[in-house]
């Protein structure tokens, strides 16, 4: 079968013909992939960014793809919760089961995670093995393809939960990529009084948000955008979500929060951020990190997508066949796409 693989510890990803996975072992399922989304992590792997070299280098070669969904075609022994034919989304954050955190039952803090698409073979192929405990059955109202959005949207949901989102709050989202888009859609569904989305040279992504009903869209690359942001902010937002992965955004987000406001940082910047600490102190602001999404976020997203799958479908901008996966990576690098799905042929 074709697979998009990281094979060597330097820049580049290859499309190769490899053997199909073996039959599933105890506690495993074999999934025929419906779709796998590409994200910033895959681009960093392609570029071979330093943050991935230290832990991923030992695992090569690895099939990439951790935002994946499909149908179970074979079930291993000792599985009672899933069956052949079930459509599932896969949580890629597989805990090791043996570290101190795992032994204490805190698997979200696993110190040796065997992440699918980074350490274990992922979903940019026709078939993939996954632990049954990390597969979530999709609602019957959801096309299996949309299941590829569940994993990134759990970060959106976790960011809002981390920021104590409740109905009536004003929310601003920095970064209109899929995680930012998901945060905006979920905040609106949760009854936000106002949702503003801010980008930088993000015309196509902001246009997507406009098509699904968001009106407060700001591209900071446009003349007068900063003044418009100040005017819209008025007395400030209750919640800011940083989903851009840009260090400079942190101070900007803090500047538009009201007293006691919360900034949830979901992006993954590679550089250090500088911000006005006096503003944080005087306005009693909080900065909270968002990582390692808990099971509760999966429940929230699957429930929301099951009720309104059409609300999330516009996040997908491109569907590209696996045999053209290198083009899909180029498209993602160009920032001209919102969410690119790789579809096995």
Protein backbone atom coordinates (compact mmCIF):
# COMPACT_ATOMS: atom_id res chain seq x y z
CA UNK A 1 0.00 0.00 0.00
CA UNK A 2 1.06 3.63 -0.49
CA UNK A 3 2.14 5.50 2.63
CA UNK A 4 3.52 8.96 3.35
CA UNK A 5 6.63 8.26 5.40
CA UNK A 6 9.34 10.04 7.33
CA UNK A 7 12.32 7.78 6.71
CA UNK A 8 15.47 9.78 7.37
CA UNK A 9 16.56 12.31 10.03
CA UNK A 10 16.67 15.33 7.77
CA UNK A 11 14.13 17.43 5.82
CA UNK A 12 11.68 15.65 3.56
CA UNK A 13 8.84 13.10 3.55
CA UNK A 14 8.52 10.29 1.01
CA UNK A 15 5.58 8.56 -0.65
CA UNK A 16 6.45 4.86 -0.62
CA UNK A 17 4.93 1.45 -1.31
CA UNK A 18 5.06 -0.55 1.94
CA UNK A 19 3.48 -3.79 3.21
CA UNK A 20 0.00 -3.62 4.72
CA UNK A 21 -0.14 -3.87 8.52
CA UNK A 22 -0.34 -7.34 10.10
CA UNK A 23 -3.62 -8.53 11.69
CA UNK A 24 -4.52 -6.60 14.85
CA UNK A 25 -3.15 -7.93 18.10
CA UNK A 26 -4.83 -8.08 21.48
CA UNK A 27 -6.64 -4.79 22.14
CA UNK A 28 -5.98 -3.48 18.62
CA UNK A 29 -8.15 -2.76 15.60
CA UNK A 30 -7.27 -2.46 11.92
CA UNK A 31 -8.75 0.66 10.35
CA UNK A 32 -9.33 1.37 6.68
CA UNK A 33 -8.65 5.08 6.48
CA UNK A 34 -11.37 7.40 5.18
CA UNK A 35 -9.37 10.62 5.53
CA UNK A 36 -6.38 12.05 7.36
CA UNK A 37 -5.79 15.73 7.95
CA UNK A 38 -2.41 17.41 7.60
CA UNK A 39 -1.43 19.99 10.19
CA UNK A 40 1.47 22.10 11.44
CA UNK A 41 3.02 19.11 13.19
CA UNK A 42 3.33 17.30 9.86
CA UNK A 43 4.94 20.39 8.33
CA UNK A 44 7.44 20.56 11.19
CA UNK A 45 8.21 16.87 10.63
CA UNK A 46 8.70 17.57 6.93
CA UNK A 47 11.09 20.44 7.77
CA UNK A 48 12.67 18.30 10.53
CA UNK A 49 12.29 21.00 13.18
CA UNK A 50 14.54 20.60 16.26
CA UNK A 51 11.62 19.94 18.62
CA UNK A 52 10.88 16.66 16.79
CA UNK A 53 14.40 15.40 16.20
CA UNK A 54 15.07 14.37 19.79
CA UNK A 55 12.20 11.90 20.17
CA UNK A 56 11.11 11.01 16.64
CA UNK A 57 14.52 10.27 15.19
CA UNK A 58 14.78 6.96 17.05
CA UNK A 59 11.42 5.77 15.67
CA UNK A 60 12.09 6.25 11.95
CA UNK A 61 10.79 5.14 9.54
CA UNK A 62 7.26 6.22 10.47
CA UNK A 63 4.08 6.79 8.46
CA UNK A 64 2.86 10.28 9.36
CA UNK A 65 -0.73 11.41 9.95
CA UNK A 66 -2.35 11.77 13.36
CA UNK A 67 -5.68 13.47 12.48
CA UNK A 68 -7.37 10.40 11.12
CA UNK A 69 -10.66 8.53 10.85
CA UNK A 70 -11.98 5.48 9.07
CA UNK A 71 -13.84 2.20 9.37
CA UNK A 72 -12.76 -0.79 11.42
CA UNK A 73 -12.13 -3.80 9.17
CA UNK A 74 -10.63 -6.22 11.71
CA UNK A 75 -10.89 -6.47 15.48
CA UNK A 76 -8.26 -8.04 17.72
CA UNK A 77 -8.86 -10.17 20.78
CA UNK A 78 -10.42 -8.89 24.02
CA UNK A 79 -12.38 -6.01 22.48
CA UNK A 80 -16.05 -5.68 23.39
CA UNK A 81 -16.75 -2.02 22.65
CA UNK A 82 -16.05 -1.91 18.91
CA UNK A 83 -16.91 -4.07 15.94
CA UNK A 84 -16.15 -4.39 12.25
CA UNK A 85 -17.79 -1.63 10.23
CA UNK A 86 -17.73 0.98 13.01
CA UNK A 87 -16.65 4.44 11.89
CA UNK A 88 -14.11 5.85 14.33
CA UNK A 89 -11.84 8.81 14.96
CA UNK A 90 -8.47 8.01 16.51
CA UNK A 91 -6.86 9.70 19.48
CA UNK A 92 -3.15 9.62 18.54
CA UNK A 93 -1.83 10.27 22.06
CA UNK A 94 -1.21 6.66 23.06
CA UNK A 95 0.14 6.44 26.61
CA UNK A 96 3.00 4.07 27.40
CA UNK A 97 1.20 2.49 30.35
CA UNK A 98 4.36 2.03 32.42
CA UNK A 99 5.65 5.46 33.50
CA UNK A 100 4.85 6.97 36.90
CA UNK A 101 2.00 9.09 35.52
CA UNK A 102 0.41 6.13 33.74
CA UNK A 103 0.76 3.93 36.81
CA UNK A 104 -1.01 6.67 38.81
CA UNK A 105 -3.85 6.68 36.26
CA UNK A 106 -2.93 10.12 34.86
CA UNK A 107 -2.35 9.06 31.27
CA UNK A 108 -2.65 12.64 29.94
CA UNK A 109 0.70 13.28 31.65
CA UNK A 110 2.39 10.18 30.22
CA UNK A 111 6.11 10.82 29.96
CA UNK A 112 6.72 8.39 27.09
CA UNK A 113 3.73 8.75 24.79
CA UNK A 114 3.81 6.54 21.69
CA UNK A 115 2.09 9.07 19.46
CA UNK A 116 0.44 7.78 16.31
CA UNK A 117 1.94 9.49 13.27
CA UNK A 118 5.13 10.33 15.16
CA UNK A 119 6.29 7.18 16.95
CA UNK A 120 3.71 4.65 15.70
CA UNK A 121 2.61 4.45 12.07
CA UNK A 122 -0.15 6.94 11.31
CA UNK A 123 -3.03 7.49 8.94
CA UNK A 124 -1.46 8.70 5.68
CA UNK A 125 -1.93 5.24 4.22
CA UNK A 126 -4.79 2.92 3.32
CA UNK A 127 -4.71 0.96 6.58
CA UNK A 128 -3.56 1.64 10.13
CA UNK A 129 -3.41 -0.29 13.39
CA UNK A 130 -4.62 1.50 16.53
CA UNK A 131 -5.38 0.58 20.13
CA UNK A 132 -9.12 0.12 20.53
CA UNK A 133 -9.09 2.20 23.72
CA UNK A 134 -8.00 5.20 21.64
CA UNK A 135 -10.75 4.88 19.02
CA UNK A 136 -13.97 6.90 19.38
CA UNK A 137 -17.06 5.78 17.52
CA UNK A 138 -18.45 8.54 15.28
CA UNK A 139 -22.10 9.63 15.53
CA UNK A 140 -24.21 8.15 12.74
CA UNK A 141 -24.98 11.67 11.50
CA UNK A 142 -21.29 12.31 10.72
CA UNK A 143 -19.64 11.29 7.46
CA UNK A 144 -16.48 9.33 8.25
CA UNK A 145 -14.43 11.92 6.39
CA UNK A 146 -15.39 14.57 8.96
CA UNK A 147 -13.93 12.33 11.63
CA UNK A 148 -10.50 13.57 10.54
CA UNK A 149 -11.43 16.95 12.07
CA UNK A 150 -12.14 15.55 15.52
CA UNK A 151 -8.55 15.43 16.78
CA UNK A 152 -7.65 19.06 15.98
CA UNK A 153 -11.03 20.25 17.23
CA UNK A 154 -10.38 18.62 20.59
CA UNK A 155 -7.61 21.20 20.99
CA UNK A 156 -10.17 23.92 20.20
CA UNK A 157 -12.55 22.53 22.83
CA UNK A 158 -9.77 22.08 25.37
CA UNK A 159 -8.66 25.70 24.83
CA UNK A 160 -12.16 26.99 25.56
CA UNK A 161 -12.49 24.76 28.62
CA UNK A 162 -9.09 25.89 29.85
CA UNK A 163 -10.27 29.50 29.52
CA UNK A 164 -13.46 28.79 31.52
CA UNK A 165 -15.77 29.43 28.57
CA UNK A 166 -19.45 29.93 29.43
CA UNK A 167 -22.38 31.54 27.64
CA UNK A 168 -22.35 35.32 27.44
CA UNK A 169 -18.57 35.79 27.34
CA UNK A 170 -16.74 37.79 24.69
CA UNK A 171 -14.15 35.69 22.86
CA UNK A 172 -11.31 36.67 20.54
CA UNK A 173 -9.38 34.07 18.57
CA UNK A 174 -5.93 34.76 17.15
CA UNK A 175 -5.10 32.45 14.27
CA UNK A 176 -7.82 31.41 11.78
CA UNK A 177 -6.42 27.97 11.04
CA UNK A 178 -8.45 24.84 11.79
CA UNK A 179 -7.94 25.04 15.58
CA UNK A 180 -8.88 28.72 15.61
CA UNK A 181 -11.84 28.08 13.34
CA UNK A 182 -12.98 25.25 15.57
CA UNK A 183 -12.66 27.44 18.67
CA UNK A 184 -14.76 30.13 17.02
CA UNK A 185 -17.49 27.69 15.94
CA UNK A 186 -17.61 25.97 19.32
CA UNK A 187 -17.65 29.30 21.19
CA UNK A 188 -20.60 30.43 19.08
CA UNK A 189 -22.43 27.17 19.77
CA UNK A 190 -21.75 27.64 23.49
CA UNK A 191 -23.46 31.03 23.48
CA UNK A 192 -20.59 33.50 23.29
CA UNK A 193 -21.79 37.09 23.30
CA UNK A 194 -19.26 37.98 20.64
CA UNK A 195 -16.61 36.09 18.64
CA UNK A 196 -13.82 37.96 16.86
CA UNK A 197 -11.18 36.21 14.74
CA UNK A 198 -7.81 37.78 13.95
CA UNK A 199 -5.28 36.67 11.35
CA UNK A 200 -2.26 37.91 9.44
CA UNK A 201 -2.15 37.39 5.66
CA UNK A 202 -4.97 34.88 6.09
CA UNK A 203 -7.43 36.02 3.40
CA UNK A 204 -8.68 32.56 2.39
CA UNK A 205 -9.13 31.30 5.94
CA UNK A 206 -10.92 34.45 7.06
CA UNK A 207 -13.09 34.18 3.95
CA UNK A 208 -14.11 30.68 5.04
CA UNK A 209 -15.18 32.05 8.43
CA UNK A 210 -17.14 34.79 6.70
CA UNK A 211 -19.00 32.20 4.65
CA UNK A 212 -20.19 30.45 7.82
CA UNK A 213 -21.54 33.59 9.40
CA UNK A 214 -18.73 35.29 11.33
CA UNK A 215 -18.70 39.05 10.80
CA UNK A 216 -15.91 40.31 13.06
CA UNK A 217 -12.90 39.20 11.00
CA UNK A 218 -9.63 41.13 11.12
CA UNK A 219 -6.56 40.64 8.93
CA UNK A 220 -3.77 42.58 10.63
CA UNK A 221 -1.95 42.83 7.29
CA UNK A 222 -4.60 45.28 6.08
CA UNK A 223 -4.32 49.04 6.58
CA UNK A 224 -6.19 50.25 9.66
CA UNK A 225 -6.68 46.73 11.04
CA UNK A 226 -5.03 47.45 14.40
CA UNK A 227 -7.29 50.47 14.97
CA UNK A 228 -10.32 48.40 14.03
CA UNK A 229 -9.26 45.73 16.52
CA UNK A 230 -8.98 48.35 19.27
CA UNK A 231 -12.44 49.67 18.46
CA UNK A 232 -14.03 46.21 18.44
CA UNK A 233 -12.26 45.26 21.67
CA UNK A 234 -13.82 48.27 23.44
CA UNK A 235 -13.72 47.42 27.17
CA UNK A 236 -12.04 44.10 26.46
CA UNK A 237 -12.66 40.41 25.96
CA UNK A 238 -13.22 37.80 28.62
CA UNK A 239 -11.25 35.16 26.72
CA UNK A 240 -8.46 35.18 24.15
CA UNK A 241 -7.41 32.02 22.33
CA UNK A 242 -3.90 31.99 20.83
CA UNK A 243 -4.02 29.50 17.96
CA UNK A 244 -1.51 31.17 15.65
CA UNK A 245 1.68 29.77 17.14
CA UNK A 246 3.26 33.22 16.87
CA UNK A 247 5.18 34.62 19.87
CA UNK A 248 4.19 38.23 19.08
CA UNK A 249 0.51 37.36 19.43
CA UNK A 250 0.79 36.77 23.17
CA UNK A 251 1.28 40.44 24.08
CA UNK A 252 -1.32 41.52 21.54
CA UNK A 253 -3.88 39.11 22.98
CA UNK A 254 -3.18 40.29 26.53
CA UNK A 255 -3.68 43.90 25.44
CA UNK A 256 -7.33 43.32 24.46
CA UNK A 257 -8.42 41.38 27.55
CA UNK A 258 -10.54 42.97 30.24
CA UNK A 259 -9.48 42.71 33.91
CA UNK A 260 -9.51 39.09 35.08
CA UNK A 261 -9.39 37.98 31.44
CA UNK A 262 -7.87 34.65 30.44
CA UNK A 263 -5.47 33.93 27.58
CA UNK A 264 -5.39 30.25 26.57
CA UNK A 265 -2.29 29.49 24.49
CA UNK A 266 -2.97 26.60 22.11
CA UNK A 267 -0.40 27.46 19.43
CA UNK A 268 3.06 25.93 19.36
CA UNK A 269 5.54 28.78 18.78
CA UNK A 270 9.18 27.81 18.38
CA UNK A 271 10.47 31.12 19.77
CA UNK A 272 10.12 32.94 23.08
CA UNK A 273 7.34 35.46 23.66
CA UNK A 274 7.77 38.91 25.23
CA UNK A 275 4.84 40.63 26.89
CA UNK A 276 3.94 43.47 29.23
CA UNK A 277 4.10 41.82 32.62
CA UNK A 278 2.88 44.99 34.35
CA UNK A 279 -0.36 44.73 32.35
CA UNK A 280 -0.77 41.15 33.54
CA UNK A 281 -0.27 42.17 37.16
CA UNK A 282 -2.45 45.28 37.16
CA UNK A 283 -5.30 43.69 35.23
CA UNK A 284 -4.99 40.37 37.10
CA UNK A 285 -4.78 38.52 33.80
CA UNK A 286 -4.13 34.80 33.48
CA UNK A 287 -2.09 32.92 30.90
CA UNK A 288 -2.92 29.22 30.61
CA UNK A 289 -1.29 26.57 28.47
CA UNK A 290 -3.33 24.18 26.33
CA UNK A 291 -1.88 20.76 25.58
CA UNK A 292 -2.64 17.05 25.89
CA UNK A 293 -6.38 17.11 25.37
CA UNK A 294 -8.35 15.07 27.90
CA UNK A 295 -11.09 12.57 27.06
CA UNK A 296 -13.70 15.17 28.02
CA UNK A 297 -12.69 17.26 24.99
CA UNK A 298 -13.33 14.30 22.68
CA UNK A 299 -16.80 13.91 24.15
CA UNK A 300 -17.56 17.61 23.64
CA UNK A 301 -16.40 17.62 20.02
CA UNK A 302 -18.14 14.39 19.02
CA UNK A 303 -21.38 15.64 20.58
CA UNK A 304 -21.12 19.03 18.82
CA UNK A 305 -20.23 17.52 15.46
CA UNK A 306 -22.94 14.90 15.76
CA UNK A 307 -25.56 17.60 16.27
CA UNK A 308 -24.32 19.97 13.54
CA UNK A 309 -21.85 18.26 11.20
CA UNK A 310 -22.54 20.84 8.52
CA UNK A 311 -21.25 23.61 10.81
CA UNK A 312 -17.75 22.12 10.75
CA UNK A 313 -17.53 20.82 7.16
CA UNK A 314 -16.40 24.20 5.71
CA UNK A 315 -13.14 23.93 7.67
CA UNK A 316 -12.06 21.40 5.02
CA UNK A 317 -10.70 23.36 2.06
CA UNK A 318 -8.99 20.61 0.04
CA UNK A 319 -9.32 16.87 -0.46
CA UNK A 320 -6.26 15.36 -2.12
CA UNK A 321 -5.63 11.75 -3.10
CA UNK A 322 -2.86 9.94 -1.25
CA UNK A 323 -0.87 9.51 -4.45
CA UNK A 324 -0.66 13.31 -4.62
CA UNK A 325 0.26 13.73 -0.95
CA UNK A 326 3.49 15.59 -1.68
CA UNK A 327 1.37 18.25 -3.38
CA UNK A 328 -0.84 18.32 -0.30
CA UNK A 329 2.21 19.12 1.85
CA UNK A 330 3.25 21.90 -0.53
CA UNK A 331 -0.24 23.35 -0.34
CA UNK A 332 -0.10 23.38 3.46
CA UNK A 333 3.31 25.02 3.48
CA UNK A 334 1.94 27.79 1.22
CA UNK A 335 -0.73 28.75 3.80
CA UNK A 336 -3.29 28.84 1.00
CA UNK A 337 -5.30 26.03 2.56
CA UNK A 338 -7.51 25.79 5.60
CA UNK A 339 -7.57 22.05 6.25
CA UNK A 340 -6.19 19.59 3.73
CA UNK A 341 -7.45 16.01 3.90
CA UNK A 342 -5.47 13.18 2.38
CA UNK A 343 -7.82 10.55 0.94
CA UNK A 344 -6.55 7.00 0.15
CA UNK A 345 -7.28 6.09 -3.45
